[in-house]
Amino acid sequence: MAEERETAAAVAVPRTRLAREATELVRDTTSELIYHHSRRVYFFGSLQGRNRDLSFDPELLYIGALFHDLGLDERFHGSGRRFEVDSADEARRFLRSHDVPEDSVRRVWTAIALHTTPGIPAHMEPEVALVTAGVEYDVLGIGYGDISDAERAEIVALHPRPGFKHRILEAFHAGIRSKPDTTFGNVKADVLQHFDPAFRRGDFVRTILDSPWQE
């Protein structure tokens, strides 16, 4: 994959060794779809941080954005864990191998692990909130009008999204269909219900009523 420009819509990718090595790792180990999506998440998350007047660490936001969907890759299909946790664990291993302080590691791990859990990240540290904000913008179009047409177009020109809606749903399905139980209580159950007619989502009420407790 050719080298891209490192700036779009007045947002710059951090020019650090950590960011550069993270870029190389993710670009070399995941699909072009996920790589471009993850970079857009960083740009859109950064702009939402500007819009919300949040002070954040661009390097930590960048790592969180880059790694957030790595757990969808085929090598994790048999892990038995939520793909978000596999993604977060990979980021933690990478950061610890670079002697990043544990509080920073925790922020990135949490940002990735919670990015499909609506209603929680926005109340946490800015890096946690903005990974989710970037994902929600790129995948769901939440806050679409918060970013100007010109800024959006510049980011998409840098990291195109042809057929993205259907391709990302296919990637979600491929990443979780072998471990359907991990979707209990999270939005990815909707993906399996859409693609797999035999899938039956977990029922929280039924789980309570069928528990071994008598009352």
N, C-alpha and C. Protein backbone atom coordinates (compact mmCIF):
# COMPACT_ATOMS: atom_id res chain seq x y z
N MET A 1 0.86 -1.20 0.00
CA MET A 1 0.00 0.00 0.00
C MET A 1 0.89 1.25 0.00
N ALA A 2 0.59 2.17 -0.87
CA ALA A 2 1.41 3.37 -0.97
C ALA A 2 1.30 4.22 0.28
N GLU A 3 2.34 5.00 0.53
CA GLU A 3 2.32 5.91 1.68
C GLU A 3 1.30 7.02 1.44
N GLU A 4 0.55 7.37 2.49
CA GLU A 4 -0.43 8.44 2.37
C GLU A 4 0.12 9.72 2.98
N ARG A 5 -0.57 10.81 2.63
CA ARG A 5 -0.33 12.05 3.37
C ARG A 5 -0.71 11.82 4.82
N GLU A 6 -0.09 12.55 5.71
CA GLU A 6 -0.32 12.35 7.13
C GLU A 6 -1.19 13.44 7.75
N THR A 7 -1.77 14.30 6.90
CA THR A 7 -2.61 15.37 7.40
C THR A 7 -3.86 15.46 6.54
N ALA A 8 -5.00 15.66 7.20
CA ALA A 8 -6.26 15.89 6.49
C ALA A 8 -7.15 16.74 7.37
N ALA A 9 -7.86 17.68 6.75
CA ALA A 9 -8.79 18.54 7.48
C ALA A 9 -8.13 19.19 8.69
N ALA A 10 -6.86 19.58 8.53
CA ALA A 10 -6.08 20.25 9.57
C ALA A 10 -5.80 19.36 10.76
N VAL A 11 -5.97 18.05 10.60
CA VAL A 11 -5.62 17.08 11.65
C VAL A 11 -4.39 16.32 11.17
N ALA A 12 -3.37 16.24 12.02
CA ALA A 12 -2.14 15.55 11.65
C ALA A 12 -2.01 14.25 12.42
N VAL A 13 -1.56 13.22 11.72
CA VAL A 13 -1.17 11.99 12.40
C VAL A 13 0.09 12.28 13.22
N PRO A 14 0.15 11.84 14.48
CA PRO A 14 1.35 12.12 15.30
C PRO A 14 2.62 11.64 14.61
N ARG A 15 3.63 12.48 14.62
CA ARG A 15 4.90 12.14 13.98
C ARG A 15 5.87 11.58 15.02
N THR A 16 5.50 10.44 15.57
CA THR A 16 6.32 9.79 16.59
C THR A 16 6.67 8.39 16.13
N ARG A 17 7.70 7.85 16.74
CA ARG A 17 8.07 6.47 16.42
C ARG A 17 6.93 5.52 16.76
N LEU A 18 6.27 5.74 17.88
CA LEU A 18 5.18 4.86 18.29
C LEU A 18 4.07 4.86 17.24
N ALA A 19 3.67 6.03 16.79
CA ALA A 19 2.62 6.12 15.78
C ALA A 19 3.06 5.50 14.46
N ARG A 20 4.29 5.74 14.09
CA ARG A 20 4.78 5.18 12.82
C ARG A 20 4.80 3.66 12.86
N GLU A 21 5.26 3.07 13.96
CA GLU A 21 5.33 1.61 14.05
C GLU A 21 3.93 1.01 14.18
N ALA A 22 3.03 1.71 14.84
CA ALA A 22 1.64 1.24 14.91
C ALA A 22 1.02 1.23 13.52
N THR A 23 1.27 2.27 12.75
CA THR A 23 0.75 2.34 11.38
C THR A 23 1.25 1.16 10.56
N GLU A 24 2.54 0.90 10.62
CA GLU A 24 3.13 -0.19 9.85
C GLU A 24 2.55 -1.53 10.27
N LEU A 25 2.40 -1.75 11.58
CA LEU A 25 1.87 -3.02 12.08
C LEU A 25 0.45 -3.25 11.59
N VAL A 26 -0.41 -2.25 11.78
CA VAL A 26 -1.82 -2.43 11.41
C VAL A 26 -1.99 -2.51 9.90
N ARG A 27 -1.25 -1.69 9.18
CA ARG A 27 -1.35 -1.72 7.71
C ARG A 27 -0.92 -3.07 7.16
N ASP A 28 0.06 -3.70 7.81
CA ASP A 28 0.60 -4.97 7.32
C ASP A 28 -0.18 -6.19 7.78
N THR A 29 -1.04 -6.05 8.80
CA THR A 29 -1.68 -7.23 9.37
C THR A 29 -3.19 -7.27 9.20
N THR A 30 -3.79 -6.20 8.73
CA THR A 30 -5.24 -6.22 8.58
C THR A 30 -5.61 -5.85 7.15
N SER A 31 -6.90 -5.87 6.85
CA SER A 31 -7.34 -5.60 5.49
C SER A 31 -7.28 -4.11 5.17
N GLU A 32 -7.31 -3.81 3.88
CA GLU A 32 -7.33 -2.42 3.44
C GLU A 32 -8.60 -1.73 3.96
N LEU A 33 -9.72 -2.47 3.97
CA LEU A 33 -10.98 -1.92 4.48
C LEU A 33 -10.83 -1.43 5.91
N ILE A 34 -10.29 -2.29 6.79
CA ILE A 34 -10.16 -1.95 8.20
C ILE A 34 -9.11 -0.87 8.41
N TYR A 35 -8.04 -0.92 7.64
CA TYR A 35 -6.99 0.09 7.78
C TYR A 35 -7.54 1.49 7.46
N HIS A 36 -8.20 1.63 6.31
CA HIS A 36 -8.73 2.95 5.94
C HIS A 36 -9.80 3.40 6.93
N HIS A 37 -10.66 2.49 7.35
CA HIS A 37 -11.68 2.82 8.35
C HIS A 37 -11.03 3.31 9.63
N SER A 38 -10.00 2.64 10.09
CA SER A 38 -9.36 3.00 11.35
C SER A 38 -8.69 4.36 11.28
N ARG A 39 -8.10 4.66 10.15
CA ARG A 39 -7.50 5.99 10.00
C ARG A 39 -8.58 7.07 9.96
N ARG A 40 -9.68 6.79 9.29
CA ARG A 40 -10.77 7.77 9.29
C ARG A 40 -11.30 7.99 10.71
N VAL A 41 -11.38 6.92 11.49
CA VAL A 41 -11.84 7.05 12.88
C VAL A 41 -10.95 8.04 13.63
N TYR A 42 -9.65 7.98 13.40
CA TYR A 42 -8.76 8.94 14.06
C TYR A 42 -9.06 10.37 13.62
N PHE A 43 -9.18 10.59 12.32
CA PHE A 43 -9.43 11.95 11.83
C PHE A 43 -10.78 12.46 12.30
N PHE A 44 -11.82 11.65 12.16
CA PHE A 44 -13.15 12.10 12.60
C PHE A 44 -13.21 12.27 14.12
N GLY A 45 -12.58 11.37 14.86
CA GLY A 45 -12.55 11.50 16.31
C GLY A 45 -11.83 12.76 16.75
N SER A 46 -10.75 13.10 16.07
CA SER A 46 -10.01 14.32 16.39
C SER A 46 -10.86 15.56 16.14
N LEU A 47 -11.57 15.57 15.03
CA LEU A 47 -12.42 16.72 14.74
C LEU A 47 -13.58 16.84 15.73
N GLN A 48 -14.11 15.71 16.15
CA GLN A 48 -15.15 15.76 17.18
C GLN A 48 -14.58 16.23 18.51
N GLY A 49 -13.34 15.91 18.77
CA GLY A 49 -12.68 16.45 19.97
C GLY A 49 -12.56 17.95 19.91
N ARG A 50 -12.22 18.46 18.73
CA ARG A 50 -12.18 19.92 18.54
C ARG A 50 -13.56 20.52 18.75
N ASN A 51 -14.57 19.89 18.17
CA ASN A 51 -15.93 20.42 18.29
C ASN A 51 -16.43 20.42 19.72
N ARG A 52 -15.98 19.45 20.51
CA ARG A 52 -16.41 19.34 21.90
C ARG A 52 -15.47 20.04 22.87
N ASP A 53 -14.45 20.69 22.32
CA ASP A 53 -13.47 21.41 23.13
C ASP A 53 -12.82 20.49 24.15
N LEU A 54 -12.42 19.30 23.70
CA LEU A 54 -11.77 18.34 24.57
C LEU A 54 -10.26 18.38 24.37
N SER A 55 -9.54 18.29 25.46
CA SER A 55 -8.08 18.19 25.40
C SER A 55 -7.71 16.71 25.45
N PHE A 56 -7.04 16.21 24.41
CA PHE A 56 -6.73 14.78 24.34
C PHE A 56 -5.32 14.57 23.83
N ASP A 57 -4.82 13.38 24.06
CA ASP A 57 -3.49 12.99 23.60
C ASP A 57 -3.64 12.40 22.19
N PRO A 58 -3.19 13.10 21.15
CA PRO A 58 -3.38 12.60 19.78
C PRO A 58 -2.74 11.23 19.56
N GLU A 59 -1.62 10.97 20.19
CA GLU A 59 -0.95 9.69 20.00
C GLU A 59 -1.79 8.55 20.55
N LEU A 60 -2.37 8.73 21.74
CA LEU A 60 -3.20 7.68 22.32
C LEU A 60 -4.48 7.49 21.52
N LEU A 61 -5.07 8.59 21.06
CA LEU A 61 -6.26 8.48 20.22
C LEU A 61 -5.92 7.74 18.93
N TYR A 62 -4.78 8.02 18.37
CA TYR A 62 -4.37 7.38 17.12
C TYR A 62 -4.20 5.88 17.31
N ILE A 63 -3.54 5.47 18.38
CA ILE A 63 -3.34 4.04 18.63
C ILE A 63 -4.69 3.36 18.86
N GLY A 64 -5.55 4.00 19.65
CA GLY A 64 -6.87 3.43 19.89
C GLY A 64 -7.66 3.25 18.61
N ALA A 65 -7.63 4.26 17.75
CA ALA A 65 -8.35 4.18 16.48
C ALA A 65 -7.77 3.10 15.58
N LEU A 66 -6.45 3.03 15.49
CA LEU A 66 -5.82 2.06 14.59
C LEU A 66 -6.11 0.62 15.00
N PHE A 67 -6.10 0.35 16.29
CA PHE A 67 -6.23 -1.03 16.77
C PHE A 67 -7.67 -1.46 17.03
N HIS A 68 -8.65 -0.55 16.94
CA HIS A 68 -9.95 -0.85 17.52
C HIS A 68 -10.67 -2.03 16.87
N ASP A 69 -10.39 -2.33 15.60
CA ASP A 69 -11.05 -3.45 14.92
C ASP A 69 -10.10 -4.58 14.58
N LEU A 70 -8.90 -4.57 15.13
CA LEU A 70 -7.93 -5.60 14.77
C LEU A 70 -8.43 -6.99 15.16
N GLY A 71 -9.25 -7.08 16.20
CA GLY A 71 -9.76 -8.37 16.66
C GLY A 71 -10.73 -9.03 15.71
N LEU A 72 -11.11 -8.35 14.62
CA LEU A 72 -11.96 -8.97 13.60
C LEU A 72 -11.16 -9.89 12.69
N ASP A 73 -9.84 -9.79 12.72
CA ASP A 73 -9.00 -10.56 11.81
C ASP A 73 -9.16 -12.06 12.05
N GLU A 74 -8.90 -12.83 11.03
CA GLU A 74 -9.12 -14.27 11.06
C GLU A 74 -8.37 -14.96 12.20
N ARG A 75 -7.21 -14.47 12.55
CA ARG A 75 -6.42 -15.14 13.60
C ARG A 75 -7.11 -15.11 14.95
N PHE A 76 -8.13 -14.27 15.12
CA PHE A 76 -8.84 -14.19 16.39
C PHE A 76 -10.20 -14.89 16.36
N HIS A 77 -10.56 -15.49 15.24
CA HIS A 77 -11.90 -16.07 15.12
C HIS A 77 -12.16 -17.18 16.14
N GLY A 78 -11.13 -17.84 16.59
CA GLY A 78 -11.32 -18.93 17.55
C GLY A 78 -11.00 -18.56 18.98
N SER A 79 -10.86 -17.28 19.27
CA SER A 79 -10.42 -16.87 20.61
C SER A 79 -11.46 -17.11 21.69
N GLY A 80 -12.75 -17.06 21.31
CA GLY A 80 -13.81 -17.16 22.30
C GLY A 80 -14.06 -15.88 23.06
N ARG A 81 -13.34 -14.82 22.73
CA ARG A 81 -13.51 -13.53 23.39
C ARG A 81 -14.20 -12.55 22.46
N ARG A 82 -14.79 -11.50 23.04
CA ARG A 82 -15.32 -10.43 22.22
C ARG A 82 -14.20 -9.86 21.37
N PHE A 83 -14.51 -9.53 20.11
CA PHE A 83 -13.46 -9.01 19.24
C PHE A 83 -12.90 -7.71 19.79
N GLU A 84 -13.72 -6.94 20.52
CA GLU A 84 -13.24 -5.70 21.11
C GLU A 84 -12.12 -5.97 22.12
N VAL A 85 -12.25 -7.05 22.87
CA VAL A 85 -11.22 -7.41 23.85
C VAL A 85 -9.96 -7.89 23.15
N ASP A 86 -10.11 -8.70 22.11
CA ASP A 86 -8.94 -9.11 21.33
C ASP A 86 -8.21 -7.89 20.77
N SER A 87 -8.97 -6.93 20.26
CA SER A 87 -8.36 -5.71 19.72
C SER A 87 -7.64 -4.94 20.81
N ALA A 88 -8.30 -4.78 21.95
CA ALA A 88 -7.71 -4.03 23.06
C ALA A 88 -6.46 -4.71 23.59
N ASP A 89 -6.48 -6.04 23.67
CA ASP A 89 -5.31 -6.77 24.15
C ASP A 89 -4.13 -6.62 23.21
N GLU A 90 -4.39 -6.60 21.91
CA GLU A 90 -3.30 -6.39 20.95
C GLU A 90 -2.68 -5.01 21.12
N ALA A 91 -3.53 -4.01 21.32
CA ALA A 91 -3.00 -2.66 21.55
C ALA A 91 -2.19 -2.60 22.83
N ARG A 92 -2.68 -3.26 23.87
CA ARG A 92 -1.94 -3.27 25.15
C ARG A 92 -0.57 -3.92 24.98
N ARG A 93 -0.52 -5.05 24.27
CA ARG A 93 0.77 -5.71 24.05
C ARG A 93 1.73 -4.79 23.29
N PHE A 94 1.20 -4.13 22.26
CA PHE A 94 2.04 -3.22 21.48
C PHE A 94 2.56 -2.08 22.35
N LEU A 95 1.70 -1.45 23.12
CA LEU A 95 2.10 -0.31 23.94
C LEU A 95 3.09 -0.72 25.02
N ARG A 96 2.85 -1.85 25.66
CA ARG A 96 3.78 -2.30 26.70
C ARG A 96 5.14 -2.65 26.11
N SER A 97 5.16 -3.14 24.89
CA SER A 97 6.44 -3.47 24.26
C SER A 97 7.25 -2.21 23.96
N HIS A 98 6.57 -1.05 24.01
CA HIS A 98 7.24 0.23 23.80
C HIS A 98 7.35 1.02 25.10
N ASP A 99 7.15 0.33 26.22
CA ASP A 99 7.32 0.95 27.56
C ASP A 99 6.45 2.18 27.77
N VAL A 100 5.24 2.14 27.23
CA VAL A 100 4.29 3.24 27.43
C VAL A 100 3.75 3.15 28.86
N PRO A 101 3.59 4.28 29.57
CA PRO A 101 3.09 4.25 30.95
C PRO A 101 1.74 3.53 31.06
N GLU A 102 1.55 2.85 32.19
CA GLU A 102 0.36 2.02 32.35
C GLU A 102 -0.94 2.81 32.30
N ASP A 103 -0.95 4.05 32.76
CA ASP A 103 -2.20 4.81 32.68
C ASP A 103 -2.59 5.06 31.23
N SER A 104 -1.60 5.29 30.39
CA SER A 104 -1.88 5.48 28.96
C SER A 104 -2.34 4.17 28.33
N VAL A 105 -1.71 3.08 28.72
CA VAL A 105 -2.13 1.76 28.22
C VAL A 105 -3.58 1.50 28.60
N ARG A 106 -3.92 1.82 29.84
CA ARG A 106 -5.29 1.60 30.33
C ARG A 106 -6.30 2.41 29.51
N ARG A 107 -5.95 3.65 29.20
CA ARG A 107 -6.87 4.50 28.44
C ARG A 107 -7.13 3.91 27.06
N VAL A 108 -6.08 3.47 26.40
CA VAL A 108 -6.24 2.90 25.06
C VAL A 108 -7.03 1.60 25.13
N TRP A 109 -6.70 0.74 26.08
CA TRP A 109 -7.42 -0.53 26.22
C TRP A 109 -8.91 -0.27 26.43
N THR A 110 -9.23 0.65 27.32
CA THR A 110 -10.63 0.96 27.62
C THR A 110 -11.33 1.56 26.41
N ALA A 111 -10.66 2.46 25.71
CA ALA A 111 -11.25 3.07 24.52
C ALA A 111 -11.66 2.03 23.50
N ILE A 112 -10.80 1.05 23.29
CA ILE A 112 -11.08 0.01 22.30
C ILE A 112 -12.15 -0.95 22.82
N ALA A 113 -12.02 -1.39 24.04
CA ALA A 113 -12.95 -2.37 24.59
C ALA A 113 -14.38 -1.86 24.65
N LEU A 114 -14.55 -0.55 24.81
CA LEU A 114 -15.89 0.02 24.98
C LEU A 114 -16.45 0.67 23.72
N HIS A 115 -15.78 0.54 22.59
CA HIS A 115 -16.21 1.34 21.45
C HIS A 115 -17.53 0.87 20.84
N THR A 116 -18.04 -0.29 21.23
CA THR A 116 -19.37 -0.72 20.77
C THR A 116 -20.37 -0.74 21.92
N THR A 117 -20.08 -0.01 22.98
CA THR A 117 -20.96 0.04 24.14
C THR A 117 -21.50 1.46 24.27
N PRO A 118 -22.62 1.75 23.63
CA PRO A 118 -23.13 3.13 23.61
C PRO A 118 -23.47 3.65 25.01
N GLY A 119 -23.29 4.95 25.17
CA GLY A 119 -23.73 5.62 26.39
C GLY A 119 -22.72 5.68 27.51
N ILE A 120 -21.60 4.97 27.40
CA ILE A 120 -20.59 4.97 28.47
C ILE A 120 -19.36 5.78 28.09
N PRO A 121 -18.72 5.55 26.92
CA PRO A 121 -17.46 6.22 26.61
C PRO A 121 -17.51 7.74 26.69
N ALA A 122 -18.63 8.34 26.32
CA ALA A 122 -18.71 9.81 26.30
C ALA A 122 -18.50 10.42 27.68
N HIS A 123 -18.63 9.63 28.73
CA HIS A 123 -18.48 10.14 30.09
C HIS A 123 -17.11 9.79 30.68
N MET A 124 -16.22 9.28 29.85
CA MET A 124 -14.91 8.87 30.33
C MET A 124 -13.83 9.80 29.79
N GLU A 125 -12.56 9.40 29.88
CA GLU A 125 -11.47 10.23 29.43
C GLU A 125 -11.64 10.59 27.95
N PRO A 126 -11.10 11.74 27.52
CA PRO A 126 -11.30 12.16 26.14
C PRO A 126 -10.89 11.13 25.10
N GLU A 127 -9.78 10.44 25.32
CA GLU A 127 -9.35 9.44 24.33
C GLU A 127 -10.37 8.32 24.20
N VAL A 128 -10.97 7.93 25.33
CA VAL A 128 -12.00 6.89 25.31
C VAL A 128 -13.22 7.40 24.56
N ALA A 129 -13.64 8.60 24.90
CA ALA A 129 -14.82 9.18 24.26
C ALA A 129 -14.63 9.35 22.76
N LEU A 130 -13.44 9.74 22.34
CA LEU A 130 -13.24 10.12 20.94
C LEU A 130 -12.99 8.94 20.01
N VAL A 131 -12.47 7.83 20.53
CA VAL A 131 -12.44 6.62 19.69
C VAL A 131 -13.87 6.24 19.33
N THR A 132 -14.74 6.21 20.32
CA THR A 132 -16.14 5.89 20.04
C THR A 132 -16.77 6.93 19.13
N ALA A 133 -16.50 8.21 19.36
CA ALA A 133 -17.07 9.25 18.51
C ALA A 133 -16.64 9.08 17.06
N GLY A 134 -15.38 8.72 16.84
CA GLY A 134 -14.90 8.49 15.48
C GLY A 134 -15.55 7.29 14.83
N VAL A 135 -15.71 6.22 15.61
CA VAL A 135 -16.38 5.02 15.10
C VAL A 135 -17.84 5.33 14.78
N GLU A 136 -18.52 5.99 15.69
CA GLU A 136 -19.93 6.31 15.47
C GLU A 136 -20.12 7.21 14.26
N TYR A 137 -19.17 8.11 14.03
CA TYR A 137 -19.27 8.99 12.87
C TYR A 137 -19.09 8.19 11.58
N ASP A 138 -18.04 7.37 11.51
CA ASP A 138 -17.71 6.69 10.26
C ASP A 138 -18.67 5.55 9.95
N VAL A 139 -19.13 4.84 10.97
CA VAL A 139 -19.98 3.67 10.73
C VAL A 139 -21.46 4.02 10.75
N LEU A 140 -21.87 4.84 11.71
CA LEU A 140 -23.29 5.11 11.91
C LEU A 140 -23.75 6.48 11.45
N GLY A 141 -22.80 7.37 11.16
CA GLY A 141 -23.17 8.71 10.74
C GLY A 141 -23.68 9.58 11.86
N ILE A 142 -23.39 9.19 13.13
CA ILE A 142 -23.84 10.00 14.27
C ILE A 142 -23.04 11.31 14.30
N GLY A 143 -23.75 12.42 14.37
CA GLY A 143 -23.09 13.72 14.35
C GLY A 143 -22.58 14.11 12.98
N TYR A 144 -23.18 13.57 11.92
CA TYR A 144 -22.68 13.77 10.55
C TYR A 144 -22.51 15.25 10.21
N GLY A 145 -23.45 16.07 10.63
CA GLY A 145 -23.37 17.49 10.31
C GLY A 145 -22.40 18.27 11.17
N ASP A 146 -21.79 17.63 12.16
CA ASP A 146 -20.84 18.33 13.04
C ASP A 146 -19.53 18.64 12.33
N ILE A 147 -19.26 17.95 11.25
CA ILE A 147 -18.03 18.14 10.48
C ILE A 147 -18.41 18.68 9.12
N SER A 148 -17.69 19.66 8.65
CA SER A 148 -18.06 20.33 7.40
C SER A 148 -17.91 19.39 6.20
N ASP A 149 -18.64 19.71 5.15
CA ASP A 149 -18.56 18.92 3.92
C ASP A 149 -17.13 18.89 3.39
N ALA A 150 -16.44 20.02 3.47
CA ALA A 150 -15.08 20.11 2.94
C ALA A 150 -14.12 19.23 3.74
N GLU A 151 -14.24 19.28 5.07
CA GLU A 151 -13.37 18.46 5.91
C GLU A 151 -13.65 16.97 5.69
N ARG A 152 -14.92 16.63 5.63
CA ARG A 152 -15.29 15.23 5.41
C ARG A 152 -14.76 14.74 4.08
N ALA A 153 -14.91 15.54 3.05
CA ALA A 153 -14.45 15.16 1.72
C ALA A 153 -12.94 14.97 1.68
N GLU A 154 -12.20 15.81 2.39
CA GLU A 154 -10.74 15.69 2.39
C GLU A 154 -10.30 14.39 3.05
N ILE A 155 -10.96 14.03 4.13
CA ILE A 155 -10.61 12.78 4.83
C ILE A 155 -10.96 11.57 3.98
N VAL A 156 -12.13 11.60 3.35
CA VAL A 156 -12.55 10.47 2.52
C VAL A 156 -11.69 10.37 1.26
N ALA A 157 -11.20 11.48 0.75
CA ALA A 157 -10.29 11.43 -0.39
C ALA A 157 -8.98 10.75 0.00
N LEU A 158 -8.54 10.99 1.24
CA LEU A 158 -7.31 10.38 1.73
C LEU A 158 -7.51 8.90 2.03
N HIS A 159 -8.68 8.58 2.58
CA HIS A 159 -8.99 7.18 2.93
C HIS A 159 -10.39 6.85 2.42
N PRO A 160 -10.47 6.43 1.15
CA PRO A 160 -11.76 6.22 0.50
C PRO A 160 -12.59 5.11 1.17
N ARG A 161 -13.92 5.19 0.93
CA ARG A 161 -14.83 4.20 1.52
C ARG A 161 -15.81 3.68 0.47
N PRO A 162 -15.33 3.11 -0.64
CA PRO A 162 -16.24 2.56 -1.65
C PRO A 162 -17.01 1.36 -1.09
N GLY A 163 -18.34 1.39 -1.21
CA GLY A 163 -19.16 0.29 -0.74
C GLY A 163 -19.02 0.01 0.74
N PHE A 164 -18.65 1.02 1.51
CA PHE A 164 -18.25 0.79 2.90
C PHE A 164 -19.36 0.18 3.75
N LYS A 165 -20.59 0.65 3.61
CA LYS A 165 -21.66 0.17 4.49
C LYS A 165 -21.78 -1.35 4.44
N HIS A 166 -21.84 -1.90 3.23
CA HIS A 166 -22.00 -3.35 3.10
C HIS A 166 -20.70 -4.10 3.42
N ARG A 167 -19.58 -3.51 3.04
CA ARG A 167 -18.30 -4.20 3.29
C ARG A 167 -17.97 -4.27 4.78
N ILE A 168 -18.29 -3.21 5.54
CA ILE A 168 -17.98 -3.27 6.96
C ILE A 168 -18.91 -4.23 7.68
N LEU A 169 -20.16 -4.30 7.24
CA LEU A 169 -21.08 -5.28 7.84
C LEU A 169 -20.59 -6.70 7.56
N GLU A 170 -20.11 -6.94 6.36
CA GLU A 170 -19.56 -8.26 6.04
C GLU A 170 -18.34 -8.57 6.90
N ALA A 171 -17.51 -7.56 7.14
CA ALA A 171 -16.33 -7.76 7.99
C ALA A 171 -16.73 -8.05 9.43
N PHE A 172 -17.73 -7.32 9.94
CA PHE A 172 -18.23 -7.61 11.29
C PHE A 172 -18.72 -9.05 11.37
N HIS A 173 -19.51 -9.44 10.39
CA HIS A 173 -20.07 -10.80 10.39
C HIS A 173 -18.97 -11.85 10.37
N ALA A 174 -18.00 -11.67 9.48
CA ALA A 174 -16.90 -12.64 9.39
C ALA A 174 -16.13 -12.73 10.69
N GLY A 175 -16.01 -11.60 11.39
CA GLY A 175 -15.21 -11.56 12.61
C GLY A 175 -15.89 -12.15 13.83
N ILE A 176 -17.23 -12.26 13.82
CA ILE A 176 -17.92 -12.71 15.03
C ILE A 176 -18.78 -13.95 14.86
N ARG A 177 -18.97 -14.42 13.62
CA ARG A 177 -19.91 -15.52 13.42
C ARG A 177 -19.46 -16.82 14.07
N SER A 178 -18.16 -16.98 14.29
CA SER A 178 -17.66 -18.20 14.92
C SER A 178 -17.76 -18.16 16.44
N LYS A 179 -18.13 -17.01 17.01
CA LYS A 179 -18.25 -16.88 18.46
C LYS A 179 -19.49 -16.07 18.81
N PRO A 180 -20.67 -16.57 18.45
CA PRO A 180 -21.91 -15.80 18.61
C PRO A 180 -22.23 -15.43 20.05
N ASP A 181 -21.78 -16.25 21.01
CA ASP A 181 -22.10 -15.95 22.41
C ASP A 181 -21.47 -14.65 22.87
N THR A 182 -20.42 -14.20 22.18
CA THR A 182 -19.75 -12.97 22.61
C THR A 182 -20.56 -11.73 22.26
N THR A 183 -21.65 -11.89 21.51
CA THR A 183 -22.46 -10.73 21.14
C THR A 183 -23.58 -10.47 22.14
N PHE A 184 -23.70 -11.29 23.18
CA PHE A 184 -24.76 -11.10 24.15
C PHE A 184 -24.65 -9.73 24.80
N GLY A 185 -25.72 -8.95 24.71
CA GLY A 185 -25.74 -7.64 25.35
C GLY A 185 -25.02 -6.54 24.61
N ASN A 186 -24.60 -6.77 23.36
CA ASN A 186 -23.95 -5.68 22.63
C ASN A 186 -24.48 -5.59 21.21
N VAL A 187 -24.14 -4.52 20.52
CA VAL A 187 -24.75 -4.21 19.23
C VAL A 187 -24.43 -5.22 18.14
N LYS A 188 -23.38 -6.00 18.29
CA LYS A 188 -23.02 -6.93 17.24
C LYS A 188 -24.01 -8.09 17.11
N ALA A 189 -24.88 -8.28 18.12
CA ALA A 189 -25.94 -9.28 17.98
C ALA A 189 -26.84 -8.92 16.80
N ASP A 190 -27.01 -7.64 16.52
CA ASP A 190 -27.82 -7.21 15.39
C ASP A 190 -27.23 -7.71 14.07
N VAL A 191 -25.91 -7.74 13.99
CA VAL A 191 -25.24 -8.20 12.77
C VAL A 191 -25.55 -9.67 12.53
N LEU A 192 -25.41 -10.50 13.56
CA LEU A 192 -25.68 -11.92 13.40
C LEU A 192 -27.15 -12.18 13.09
N GLN A 193 -28.02 -11.43 13.73
CA GLN A 193 -29.44 -11.60 13.46
C GLN A 193 -29.77 -11.27 12.01
N HIS A 194 -29.07 -10.31 11.44
CA HIS A 194 -29.30 -9.91 10.05
C HIS A 194 -28.77 -10.95 9.07
N PHE A 195 -27.57 -11.51 9.33
CA PHE A 195 -26.92 -12.39 8.37
C PHE A 195 -27.20 -13.87 8.60
N ASP A 196 -27.47 -14.27 9.82
CA ASP A 196 -27.61 -15.69 10.14
C ASP A 196 -29.02 -16.01 10.63
N PRO A 197 -29.87 -16.58 9.77
CA PRO A 197 -31.26 -16.85 10.15
C PRO A 197 -31.40 -17.76 11.37
N ALA A 198 -30.42 -18.63 11.60
CA ALA A 198 -30.51 -19.56 12.73
C ALA A 198 -30.06 -18.94 14.06
N PHE A 199 -29.50 -17.74 14.00
CA PHE A 199 -28.99 -17.12 15.23
C PHE A 199 -30.13 -16.73 16.15
N ARG A 200 -29.97 -17.01 17.44
CA ARG A 200 -30.92 -16.58 18.45
C ARG A 200 -30.16 -15.77 19.49
N ARG A 201 -30.50 -14.50 19.60
CA ARG A 201 -29.78 -13.64 20.53
C ARG A 201 -30.10 -14.03 21.96
N GLY A 202 -29.15 -13.80 22.86
CA GLY A 202 -29.37 -14.05 24.27
C GLY A 202 -30.45 -13.13 24.82
N ASP A 203 -31.19 -13.60 25.77
CA ASP A 203 -32.29 -12.85 26.36
C ASP A 203 -31.98 -12.61 27.83
N PHE A 204 -31.75 -11.36 28.19
CA PHE A 204 -31.37 -11.02 29.56
C PHE A 204 -32.46 -11.42 30.56
N VAL A 205 -33.70 -11.14 30.22
CA VAL A 205 -34.81 -11.49 31.12
C VAL A 205 -34.89 -12.99 31.29
N ARG A 206 -34.79 -13.74 30.17
CA ARG A 206 -34.86 -15.20 30.25
C ARG A 206 -33.69 -15.75 31.07
N THR A 207 -32.52 -15.14 30.93
CA THR A 207 -31.36 -15.58 31.70
C THR A 207 -31.61 -15.44 33.20
N ILE A 208 -32.23 -14.34 33.60
CA ILE A 208 -32.57 -14.16 35.01
C ILE A 208 -33.58 -15.19 35.47
N LEU A 209 -34.66 -15.34 34.71
CA LEU A 209 -35.73 -16.24 35.13
C LEU A 209 -35.30 -17.70 35.14
N ASP A 210 -34.35 -18.06 34.28
CA ASP A 210 -33.90 -19.45 34.18
C ASP A 210 -32.68 -19.74 35.04
N SER A 211 -32.24 -18.77 35.82
CA SER A 211 -31.07 -18.99 36.68
C SER A 211 -31.40 -20.01 37.77
N PRO A 212 -30.41 -20.61 38.42
CA PRO A 212 -30.67 -21.62 39.45
C PRO A 212 -31.28 -21.07 40.74
N TRP A 213 -31.36 -19.75 40.88
CA TRP A 213 -32.00 -19.19 42.08
C TRP A 213 -33.49 -19.51 42.11
N GLN A 214 -33.99 -19.85 43.29
CA GLN A 214 -35.39 -20.17 43.43
C GLN A 214 -36.28 -18.93 43.35
N GLU A 215 -35.79 -17.84 43.89
CA GLU A 215 -36.57 -16.59 43.89
C GLU A 215 -35.71 -15.45 43.38
